[in-house]
Protein backbone atom coordinates (compact mmCIF):
# COMPACT_ATOMS: atom_id res chain seq x y z
CA MET A 1 4.29 41.90 82.41
CA GLU A 2 7.42 43.74 82.81
CA SER A 3 9.54 41.62 81.23
CA THR A 4 7.21 40.59 77.75
CA GLU A 5 6.68 44.78 77.75
CA ALA A 6 10.53 45.20 77.74
CA ASP A 7 11.02 42.39 74.93
CA ASP A 8 8.20 44.12 72.99
CA GLU A 9 9.81 47.20 73.34
CA SER A 10 13.36 45.79 71.96
CA GLY A 11 12.07 44.22 69.42
CA TRP A 12 13.46 40.75 70.27
CA ASN A 13 11.22 37.44 70.11
CA CYS A 14 11.92 33.93 71.30
CA SER A 15 9.17 32.47 68.74
CA VAL A 16 10.46 30.22 65.80
CA HIS A 17 8.55 29.90 63.16
CA PRO A 18 7.27 26.19 62.46
CA SER A 19 8.02 26.41 58.88
CA VAL A 20 11.98 26.26 60.25
CA PHE A 21 11.53 23.06 61.57
CA PHE A 22 10.38 21.56 57.96
CA LEU A 23 13.29 23.68 56.79
CA LEU A 24 15.56 21.60 58.81
CA GLY A 25 13.57 18.34 58.51
CA THR A 26 13.65 18.62 54.85
CA LEU A 27 17.74 19.15 54.75
CA VAL A 28 18.33 17.04 57.42
CA LEU A 29 16.38 13.93 55.45
CA THR A 30 18.10 15.02 52.21
CA THR A 31 21.72 14.84 53.84
CA CYS A 32 20.43 11.30 54.57
CA ALA A 33 18.65 9.91 51.62
CA THR A 34 21.80 11.18 49.34
CA ALA A 35 24.26 9.18 51.60
CA MET A 36 22.26 6.09 51.07
CA LEU A 37 21.59 6.31 47.73
CA CYS A 38 24.96 7.37 47.27
CA GLY A 39 26.62 4.77 49.48
CA ALA A 40 25.23 1.70 48.07
CA ILE A 41 26.12 2.37 44.72
CA MET A 42 29.35 3.16 45.46
CA THR A 43 29.73 -0.31 47.76
CA ASP A 44 30.30 -3.35 46.40
CA HIS A 45 28.21 -5.65 48.14
CA TRP A 46 24.79 -6.02 45.96
CA GLU A 47 25.24 -10.00 45.52
CA GLU A 48 27.33 -12.85 46.72
CA VAL A 49 28.12 -16.14 44.89
CA THR A 50 28.99 -18.81 47.53
CA TRP A 51 28.55 -23.01 46.78
CA ASP A 52 26.24 -25.55 47.72
CA GLN A 53 29.15 -28.21 49.28
CA ASP A 54 25.94 -30.92 49.14
CA GLY A 55 25.60 -30.34 45.60
CA LEU A 56 29.17 -30.11 44.64
CA GLU A 57 29.53 -33.70 45.79
CA THR A 58 26.31 -35.18 44.13
CA LEU A 59 27.33 -33.29 40.56
CA ALA A 60 31.52 -34.28 41.19
CA ASN A 61 29.81 -38.12 41.04
CA ASN A 62 33.41 -39.34 40.46
CA THR A 63 34.01 -37.53 37.76
CA VAL A 64 36.15 -35.15 39.20
CA ARG A 65 37.97 -34.82 42.43
CA LEU A 66 36.88 -31.76 45.13
CA LYS A 67 39.35 -30.80 47.90
CA TRP A 68 38.16 -28.32 50.92
CA LEU A 69 40.27 -25.65 51.57
CA LEU A 70 40.15 -22.84 54.28
CA ASP A 71 36.99 -24.74 56.50
CA GLY A 72 35.30 -25.40 53.45
CA THR A 73 35.09 -21.68 51.96
CA VAL A 74 37.29 -23.08 48.74
CA VAL A 75 36.74 -26.03 46.44
CA ARG A 76 40.22 -27.64 44.96
CA VAL A 77 38.72 -29.32 41.24
CA SER A 78 41.55 -31.43 40.10
CA THR A 79 40.91 -34.58 37.71
CA ASN A 80 40.25 -38.12 39.23
CA ASP A 81 43.22 -39.80 38.21
CA GLU A 82 46.59 -40.67 38.88
CA LYS A 83 48.21 -36.90 37.92
CA ASP A 84 45.00 -35.35 40.18
CA ALA A 85 45.78 -32.47 38.02
CA LEU A 86 44.41 -28.95 38.61
CA LYS A 87 41.51 -27.75 37.12
CA ALA A 88 40.07 -25.01 38.36
CA PHE A 89 39.15 -23.43 42.28
CA LEU A 90 35.65 -22.40 43.14
CA VAL A 91 35.83 -19.13 45.50
CA PRO A 92 33.74 -16.91 47.53
CA MET A 93 32.43 -14.03 45.29
CA HIS A 94 30.80 -10.61 45.86
CA GLY A 95 30.10 -7.68 43.26
CA GLY A 96 28.96 -4.49 43.04
CA ILE A 97 27.17 -2.27 40.10
CA TRP A 98 30.68 -2.31 38.28
CA THR A 99 33.05 -4.90 40.35
CA LEU A 100 33.27 -8.35 41.03
CA CYS A 101 35.81 -9.10 43.54
CA VAL A 102 37.06 -12.44 45.65
CA SER A 103 35.62 -12.71 49.38
CA LEU A 104 38.78 -13.88 50.31
CA THR A 105 41.88 -12.09 52.57
CA ASP A 106 45.44 -11.09 50.99
CA GLU A 107 46.41 -14.30 53.78
CA GLU A 108 44.03 -16.46 52.67
CA ILE A 109 45.41 -16.16 49.09
CA ARG A 110 48.45 -16.21 50.03
CA LEU A 111 48.28 -19.85 51.62
CA LEU A 112 46.29 -20.65 48.70
CA ARG A 113 49.25 -20.30 46.47
CA HIS A 114 50.85 -23.44 48.10
CA VAL A 115 48.21 -25.76 46.40
CA GLY A 116 48.22 -23.85 42.91
CA PHE A 117 45.87 -21.13 43.41
CA PRO A 118 47.01 -18.54 40.59
CA PRO A 119 48.69 -14.75 40.90
CA VAL A 120 44.51 -12.60 39.98
CA ILE A 121 43.59 -9.01 40.64
CA THR A 122 41.30 -9.68 43.43
CA CYS A 123 38.55 -7.38 42.15
CA VAL A 124 37.47 -6.62 38.46
CA ASN A 125 35.84 -3.46 37.87
CA TYR A 126 33.33 -3.19 34.70
CA LEU A 127 34.13 0.44 33.35
CA SER A 128 37.97 -0.34 32.90
CA GLY A 129 36.56 -1.60 29.77
CA GLY A 130 37.82 -5.56 30.11
CA ASN A 131 39.09 -8.33 33.02
CA ASP A 132 42.74 -7.52 31.76
CA GLY A 133 45.14 -9.87 33.80
CA MET A 134 42.51 -11.51 35.40
CA LYS A 135 43.11 -15.52 34.65
CA GLY A 136 39.61 -17.23 34.77
CA TYR A 137 37.31 -14.84 34.14
CA GLU A 138 35.39 -15.38 30.79
CA PRO A 139 33.59 -12.41 29.32
CA ARG A 140 29.64 -12.43 30.12
CA ALA A 141 26.72 -13.39 27.16
CA ASP A 142 24.95 -10.47 25.76
CA TRP A 143 21.82 -10.61 28.03
CA GLN A 144 23.97 -10.45 30.83
CA HIS A 145 26.30 -8.00 29.40
CA ARG A 146 23.74 -5.90 28.16
CA MET A 147 22.17 -5.51 31.84
CA GLN A 148 25.20 -5.19 33.69
CA ASN A 149 25.62 -2.14 31.06
CA LEU A 150 22.19 -0.59 31.89
CA SER A 151 22.57 -1.05 35.48
CA ILE A 152 25.88 0.96 35.08
CA SER A 153 24.49 3.30 33.12
CA CYS A 154 20.96 4.40 35.18
CA ALA A 155 23.57 4.36 38.84
CA LEU A 156 25.93 7.03 37.25
CA VAL A 157 22.62 9.25 36.06
CA CYS A 158 21.53 8.76 39.69
CA LEU A 159 24.51 10.02 40.97
CA ILE A 160 25.22 12.88 38.84
CA ILE A 161 21.41 13.35 39.46
CA LEU A 162 21.88 13.72 43.16
CA GLY A 163 25.09 15.55 42.66
CA SER A 164 23.08 18.34 40.86
CA ALA A 165 20.28 18.14 43.05
CA ALA A 166 22.42 19.54 46.16
CA LEU A 167 23.69 22.54 44.46
CA VAL A 168 20.06 23.45 42.92
CA GLY A 169 18.37 22.76 46.57
CA ALA A 170 21.29 24.72 48.26
CA PHE A 171 21.29 28.08 45.74
CA GLY A 172 16.87 27.88 46.43
CA VAL A 173 17.36 28.02 50.14
CA CYS A 174 20.17 30.66 50.21
CA GLN A 175 19.00 32.40 47.58
CA HIS A 176 15.01 32.33 48.16
CA GLN A 177 14.32 30.76 45.15
CA ILE A 178 11.12 29.62 44.96
CA SER A 179 11.64 27.81 41.42
CA ALA A 180 14.55 26.15 42.30
CA VAL A 181 13.92 24.86 45.55
CA LEU A 182 10.46 22.84 43.43
CA VAL A 183 13.24 21.85 41.11
CA THR A 184 15.24 20.17 43.56
CA GLY A 185 11.84 18.01 44.50
CA VAL A 186 11.85 16.72 40.92
CA MET A 187 15.39 16.20 40.24
CA TYR A 188 14.96 13.56 43.87
CA LEU A 189 12.28 12.02 42.13
CA LEU A 190 14.33 11.94 39.13
CA ALA A 191 17.51 9.97 40.96
CA ALA A 192 15.12 7.73 42.70
CA SER A 193 13.60 6.83 39.32
CA PHE A 194 16.98 5.62 37.96
CA ALA A 195 17.90 4.25 41.36
CA LEU A 196 14.79 1.91 40.69
CA PHE A 197 16.40 0.66 37.82
CA THR A 198 19.63 -0.01 38.81
CA LEU A 199 17.71 -1.88 41.72
CA THR A 200 15.29 -3.87 39.32
CA ILE A 201 17.70 -4.70 37.05
CA ILE A 202 19.99 -5.91 39.89
CA HIS A 203 17.67 -8.10 40.72
CA PHE A 204 15.95 -9.80 38.04
CA LYS A 205 19.46 -9.60 36.05
CA ARG A 206 20.22 -13.61 37.34
CA VAL A 207 16.10 -14.52 37.06
CA GLN A 208 16.44 -14.26 33.69
CA SER A 209 19.39 -16.39 32.72
CA LYS A 210 18.52 -19.69 34.82
CA PRO A 211 16.28 -22.08 32.07
CA ARG A 212 19.45 -25.22 31.70
CA LEU A 213 20.39 -27.30 33.94
CA ASP A 214 23.01 -28.71 32.49
CA MET A 215 24.86 -25.70 31.75
CA ASP A 216 24.64 -22.26 32.97
CA ALA A 217 22.71 -20.05 30.05
CA ASP A 218 24.80 -16.98 30.80
CA GLY A 219 27.59 -18.15 29.92
CA THR A 220 30.00 -16.80 32.95
CA VAL A 221 32.37 -18.17 35.29
CA ASP A 222 31.26 -16.25 38.56
CA GLY A 223 32.98 -17.95 41.18
CA VAL A 224 35.38 -19.85 39.22
CA VAL A 225 39.19 -19.33 39.26
CA LEU A 226 41.46 -20.88 36.60
CA PRO A 227 44.91 -21.95 36.82
CA TYR A 228 47.16 -21.63 33.60
CA GLY A 229 45.85 -24.61 31.42
CA GLY A 230 43.08 -25.17 33.46
CA LYS A 231 39.07 -25.53 32.52
CA THR A 232 36.29 -24.37 33.74
CA PRO A 233 33.90 -27.47 35.23
CA GLU A 234 30.73 -26.88 33.37
CA SER A 235 29.33 -29.62 35.14
CA LEU A 236 29.52 -28.33 38.95
CA LEU A 237 28.38 -24.74 37.89
CA THR A 238 24.63 -25.58 39.00
CA ALA A 239 25.89 -25.63 42.62
CA ARG A 240 26.58 -21.88 42.32
CA ILE A 241 24.45 -19.81 44.84
CA PHE A 242 23.61 -16.23 43.53
CA THR A 243 22.21 -14.21 46.71
CA THR A 244 21.46 -10.53 46.88
CA SER A 245 23.29 -8.84 50.07
CA TRP A 246 23.65 -5.67 52.04
CA SER A 247 24.24 -3.10 49.59
CA LEU A 248 20.78 -3.80 47.29
CA ASP A 249 18.69 -3.52 51.02
CA LEU A 250 20.66 -0.16 51.59
CA GLY A 251 19.58 0.87 47.93
CA TRP A 252 15.91 0.11 48.67
CA GLY A 253 15.90 2.05 51.96
CA GLY A 254 17.62 5.34 49.63
CA VAL A 255 14.93 5.27 47.19
CA VAL A 256 12.36 5.35 49.69
CA LEU A 257 14.10 8.61 51.39
CA THR A 258 14.95 9.94 48.24
CA VAL A 259 10.98 9.86 47.44
CA MET A 260 10.23 11.29 50.66
CA THR A 261 12.80 13.82 50.38
CA SER A 262 11.67 14.68 46.94
CA VAL A 263 7.98 15.19 48.14
CA LEU A 264 9.22 17.47 51.22
CA TRP A 265 10.99 20.16 48.67
CA ILE A 266 7.69 19.87 46.61
CA LEU A 267 5.94 21.13 49.93
CA LEU A 268 8.85 23.57 50.98
CA SER A 269 8.05 25.48 47.71
CA LYS A 270 4.46 26.09 48.60
CA ILE A 271 5.43 26.99 51.83
CA MET A 272 8.17 29.09 50.60
CA ARG A 273 5.76 30.70 48.26
CA PHE A 274 3.40 32.61 51.76
CA ASN A 275 6.29 32.26 54.13
CA PRO A 276 9.95 33.71 52.28
CA ILE A 277 12.30 32.08 54.45
CA SER A 278 13.48 35.60 55.82
CA SER A 279 10.22 35.98 57.38
CA MET A 280 10.41 32.63 58.71
CA ILE A 281 13.83 32.84 60.93
CA ASN A 282 12.68 37.04 61.92
């Protein structure tokens, strides 16, 4: 009793307002959601391009000669005659929202040079405005091009909103501005919406371009590297396999956390209306 009375007389209070834990939880979840969503957008493993070996053998049907290299990772396509003229290389690739990269190491590319693999830039950046120096990569069809540009625009807007929301949220917490905290919640909800648009576009852009079996309707040659004078083996393109990768899963997780973050910021603004942060800590 004496120690309690002494603490009361000195004004020292060891109790912490429960709202402080809510504030800390909001900040932790905000950091996780922002990092996850930004990480998903900036990485380049949204989709992967691989080749079905059995399908290639069936489609080749003695019309072209296939030679498997690097333990079946790369396929060398040549004419089925005595000249054995090189036509193309079928390679695995992985791509992001604005990038497309060959899934080969520098050592593997160096080894392939001995069998005619052309010098190429290992990654194409769609933001650069073209595929200069990237031999074998044709422009995308109108539908594919529009979908790609739309996903890039949504992703950039999402990044801008996330950065702005972080600044507004920090200002609202530090200056005890309830309106700024509320706006932060709305901005995170808006960022989640644009991220959802990006994820949906990336998920469905391949689905909308599959109708014909004899020729790829999207007009692209993702997964094909052409040497000088080579020709795209259109008859083999249907053996390509497009699969989503871990960046897309990271993006979906980021969207869920961002929506939860938005709800917490809105609730935090309600709590601050009746319990200012200064009174929470004191």
